[in-house]
Amino acid sequence: MFDYTQPLAAQALVVVEKLQQAGFIAFLAGGCVRDAMLGRVPKDFDVATDATPDAVRDLFGRRRTLAFGASFGVIGVLDNALTPTEVATFRSDGGYSDGRRPDSIRFGSAEQDALR
C-alpha cells in the first residue's frame, strides 16, 4: 500500500490525524488511493474533509497554509516536505459552462462529494 515513512505520505497522515483530532472527518483521497490500489507508488497525497477552507487555515495556521484553491475548497498545508498536502473540503458542484470548472460550489458531505 503506502510507504508511510515517505515524507509526503507522513505529512498527509499528520494532516489527517490533526483534522480528526479536531473533530472533523478526514480521509486520504484522489490519486494516492488509486495508485496504492494499483500497486504504484503515489507521487502526491491529497486529503478530503468536512472542514471548510477557513477551518483548515485556522487549524494549521495561516503561515503554514496556502489558499491556492480556496474558492473551490482547496487549501495547501505545508509541513516538513517541500510539497504541500492539498486538503479539499467535501462539496457538490453547480454547472460547468466552460466544461472545466464549476460555475458554483456548495460545501457538503463525503457522499455528495463522491457523486461529483
C-alpha atoms as a PDB file:
ATOM      1  CA  MET A   1       0.000   0.000   0.000  1.00  0.00           C
ATOM      2  CA  PHE A   2       1.754   3.231   1.139  1.00  0.00           C
ATOM      3  CA  ASP A   3       5.274   3.669   2.427  1.00  0.00           C
ATOM      4  CA  TYR A   4       4.295   5.787   5.420  1.00  0.00           C
ATOM      5  CA  THR A   5       7.909   6.772   6.052  1.00  0.00           C
ATOM      6  CA  GLN A   6       7.984   8.667   2.748  1.00  0.00           C
ATOM      7  CA  PRO A   7       7.898  12.396   3.678  1.00  0.00           C
ATOM      8  CA  LEU A   8       4.810  13.223   1.606  1.00  0.00           C
ATOM      9  CA  ALA A   9       2.862  10.250   2.997  1.00  0.00           C
ATOM     10  CA  ALA A  10       3.914  11.013   6.562  1.00  0.00           C
ATOM     11  CA  GLN A  11       2.912  14.658   6.139  1.00  0.00           C
ATOM     12  CA  ALA A  12      -0.508  13.696   4.757  1.00  0.00           C
ATOM     13  CA  LEU A  13      -1.110  11.348   7.684  1.00  0.00           C
ATOM     14  CA  VAL A  14      -0.262  14.133  10.136  1.00  0.00           C
ATOM     15  CA  VAL A  15      -2.818  16.346   8.358  1.00  0.00           C
ATOM     16  CA  VAL A  16      -5.497  13.630   8.518  1.00  0.00           C
ATOM     17  CA  GLU A  17      -4.805  12.928  12.200  1.00  0.00           C
ATOM     18  CA  LYS A  18      -4.851  16.593  13.175  1.00  0.00           C
ATOM     19  CA  LEU A  19      -8.156  17.165  11.371  1.00  0.00           C
ATOM     20  CA  GLN A  20      -9.676  14.079  13.006  1.00  0.00           C
ATOM     21  CA  GLN A  21      -8.420  15.101  16.456  1.00  0.00           C
ATOM     22  CA  ALA A  22     -10.139  18.470  15.933  1.00  0.00           C
ATOM     23  CA  GLY A  23     -13.432  16.639  15.308  1.00  0.00           C
ATOM     24  CA  PHE A  24     -13.505  16.708  11.509  1.00  0.00           C
ATOM     25  CA  ILE A  25     -13.903  13.841   9.075  1.00  0.00           C
ATOM     26  CA  ALA A  26     -10.731  13.398   7.013  1.00  0.00           C
ATOM     27  CA  PHE A  27      -9.551  10.757   4.533  1.00  0.00           C
ATOM     28  CA  LEU A  28      -6.700  10.256   2.103  1.00  0.00           C
ATOM     29  CA  ALA A  29      -8.246  10.788  -1.318  1.00  0.00           C
ATOM     30  CA  GLY A  30      -7.616  11.045  -5.019  1.00  0.00           C
ATOM     31  CA  GLY A  31      -4.654   9.744  -6.942  1.00  0.00           C
ATOM     32  CA  CYS A  32      -2.769   8.371  -3.938  1.00  0.00           C
ATOM     33  CA  VAL A  33      -5.609   5.955  -3.208  1.00  0.00           C
ATOM     34  CA  ARG A  34      -5.898   4.948  -6.876  1.00  0.00           C
ATOM     35  CA  ASP A  35      -2.122   4.454  -7.160  1.00  0.00           C
ATOM     36  CA  ALA A  36      -1.973   2.364  -3.974  1.00  0.00           C
ATOM     37  CA  MET A  37      -4.806   0.155  -5.214  1.00  0.00           C
ATOM     38  CA  LEU A  38      -2.908  -0.373  -8.476  1.00  0.00           C
ATOM     39  CA  GLY A  39       0.324  -1.195  -6.637  1.00  0.00           C
ATOM     40  CA  ARG A  40       2.019   2.048  -7.715  1.00  0.00           C
ATOM     41  CA  VAL A  41       3.977   4.459  -5.545  1.00  0.00           C
ATOM     42  CA  PRO A  42       1.873   7.635  -5.136  1.00  0.00           C
ATOM     43  CA  LYS A  43       3.510  10.860  -6.298  1.00  0.00           C
ATOM     44  CA  ASP A  44       1.407  13.047  -4.034  1.00  0.00           C
ATOM     45  CA  PHE A  45      -1.162  12.718  -1.275  1.00  0.00           C
ATOM     46  CA  ASP A  46      -4.462  14.579  -1.050  1.00  0.00           C
ATOM     47  CA  VAL A  47      -6.890  14.796   1.854  1.00  0.00           C
ATOM     48  CA  ALA A  48     -10.672  15.198   1.697  1.00  0.00           C
ATOM     49  CA  THR A  49     -12.501  16.615   4.721  1.00  0.00           C
ATOM     50  CA  ASP A  50     -15.658  18.237   6.002  1.00  0.00           C
ATOM     51  CA  ALA A  51     -13.567  21.106   7.424  1.00  0.00           C
ATOM     52  CA  THR A  52     -14.131  24.340   5.497  1.00  0.00           C
ATOM     53  CA  PRO A  53     -11.117  26.118   3.981  1.00  0.00           C
ATOM     54  CA  ASP A  54     -11.257  28.692   6.802  1.00  0.00           C
ATOM     55  CA  ALA A  55     -11.321  25.916   9.411  1.00  0.00           C
ATOM     56  CA  VAL A  56      -8.296  24.252   7.779  1.00  0.00           C
ATOM     57  CA  ARG A  57      -6.375  27.535   7.802  1.00  0.00           C
ATOM     58  CA  ASP A  58      -7.358  28.198  11.418  1.00  0.00           C
ATOM     59  CA  LEU A  59      -6.290  24.713  12.498  1.00  0.00           C
ATOM     60  CA  PHE A  60      -2.911  24.665  10.735  1.00  0.00           C
ATOM     61  CA  GLY A  61      -2.183  28.396  10.870  1.00  0.00           C
ATOM     62  CA  ARG A  62      -2.069  30.950   8.100  1.00  0.00           C
ATOM     63  CA  ARG A  63       1.726  30.752   7.820  1.00  0.00           C
ATOM     64  CA  ARG A  64       1.580  27.004   7.154  1.00  0.00           C
ATOM     65  CA  THR A  65      -1.259  27.100   4.621  1.00  0.00           C
ATOM     66  CA  LEU A  66      -1.688  28.271   1.045  1.00  0.00           C
ATOM     67  CA  ALA A  67      -5.113  29.333  -0.190  1.00  0.00           C
ATOM     68  CA  PHE A  68      -4.360  28.452  -3.813  1.00  0.00           C
ATOM     69  CA  GLY A  69      -7.775  26.901  -4.457  1.00  0.00           C
ATOM     70  CA  ALA A  70      -9.892  28.251  -1.610  1.00  0.00           C
ATOM     71  CA  SER A  71     -12.734  29.266  -3.934  1.00  0.00           C
ATOM     72  CA  PHE A  72     -13.083  25.555  -4.817  1.00  0.00           C
ATOM     73  CA  GLY A  73     -12.471  24.393  -1.252  1.00  0.00           C
ATOM     74  CA  VAL A  74      -8.760  23.510  -1.601  1.00  0.00           C
ATOM     75  CA  ILE A  75      -6.044  24.589   0.839  1.00  0.00           C
ATOM     76  CA  GLY A  76      -2.387  23.543   0.759  1.00  0.00           C
ATOM     77  CA  VAL A  77      -0.895  22.577   4.123  1.00  0.00           C
ATOM     78  CA  LEU A  78       2.872  22.923   4.472  1.00  0.00           C
ATOM     79  CA  ASP A  79       4.938  20.847   6.856  1.00  0.00           C
ATOM     80  CA  ASN A  80       8.375  19.263   6.626  1.00  0.00           C
ATOM     81  CA  ALA A  81       8.035  18.226   2.980  1.00  0.00           C
ATOM     82  CA  LEU A  82       8.526  20.832   0.268  1.00  0.00           C
ATOM     83  CA  THR A  83       5.275  19.910  -1.465  1.00  0.00           C
ATOM     84  CA  PRO A  84       2.064  20.976   0.286  1.00  0.00           C
ATOM     85  CA  THR A  85      -0.621  18.442   1.098  1.00  0.00           C
ATOM     86  CA  GLU A  86      -3.792  19.505  -0.705  1.00  0.00           C
ATOM     87  CA  VAL A  87      -6.800  19.499   1.617  1.00  0.00           C
ATOM     88  CA  ALA A  88     -10.155  19.649  -0.180  1.00  0.00           C
ATOM     89  CA  THR A  89     -13.479  20.298   1.508  1.00  0.00           C
ATOM     90  CA  PHE A  90     -16.280  17.903   0.554  1.00  0.00           C
ATOM     91  CA  ARG A  91     -18.501  19.675  -1.976  1.00  0.00           C
ATOM     92  CA  SER A  92     -21.103  19.452  -4.656  1.00  0.00           C
ATOM     93  CA  ASP A  93     -20.690  21.374  -7.908  1.00  0.00           C
ATOM     94  CA  GLY A  94     -23.026  23.530  -9.933  1.00  0.00           C
ATOM     95  CA  GLY A  95     -22.976  23.516 -13.743  1.00  0.00           C
ATOM     96  CA  TYR A  96     -19.813  23.612 -15.879  1.00  0.00           C
ATOM     97  CA  SER A  97     -20.425  26.299 -18.510  1.00  0.00           C
ATOM     98  CA  ASP A  98     -16.754  26.244 -19.606  1.00  0.00           C
ATOM     99  CA  GLY A  99     -16.551  22.443 -19.443  1.00  0.00           C
ATOM    100  CA  ARG A 100     -13.641  22.641 -16.970  1.00  0.00           C
ATOM    101  CA  ARG A 101     -14.514  24.476 -13.757  1.00  0.00           C
ATOM    102  CA  PRO A 102     -17.792  24.506 -11.853  1.00  0.00           C
ATOM    103  CA  ASP A 103     -19.790  27.734 -12.032  1.00  0.00           C
ATOM    104  CA  SER A 104     -20.528  27.357  -8.321  1.00  0.00           C
ATOM    105  CA  ILE A 105     -19.795  25.010  -5.448  1.00  0.00           C
ATOM    106  CA  ARG A 106     -21.529  24.187  -2.206  1.00  0.00           C
ATOM    107  CA  PHE A 107     -19.700  22.549   0.696  1.00  0.00           C
ATOM    108  CA  GLY A 108     -21.328  19.285   1.604  1.00  0.00           C
ATOM    109  CA  SER A 109     -20.836  15.718   2.730  1.00  0.00           C
ATOM    110  CA  ALA A 110     -18.496  12.930   1.681  1.00  0.00           C
ATOM    111  CA  GLU A 111     -21.454  11.306  -0.082  1.00  0.00           C
ATOM    112  CA  GLN A 112     -22.202  14.450  -2.124  1.00  0.00           C
ATOM    113  CA  ASP A 113     -18.520  14.820  -2.994  1.00  0.00           C
ATOM    114  CA  ALA A 114     -18.317  11.217  -4.194  1.00  0.00           C
ATOM    115  CA  LEU A 115     -21.231  11.804  -6.548  1.00  0.00           C
ATOM    116  CA  ARG A 116     -19.359  14.549  -8.441  1.00  0.00           C
END
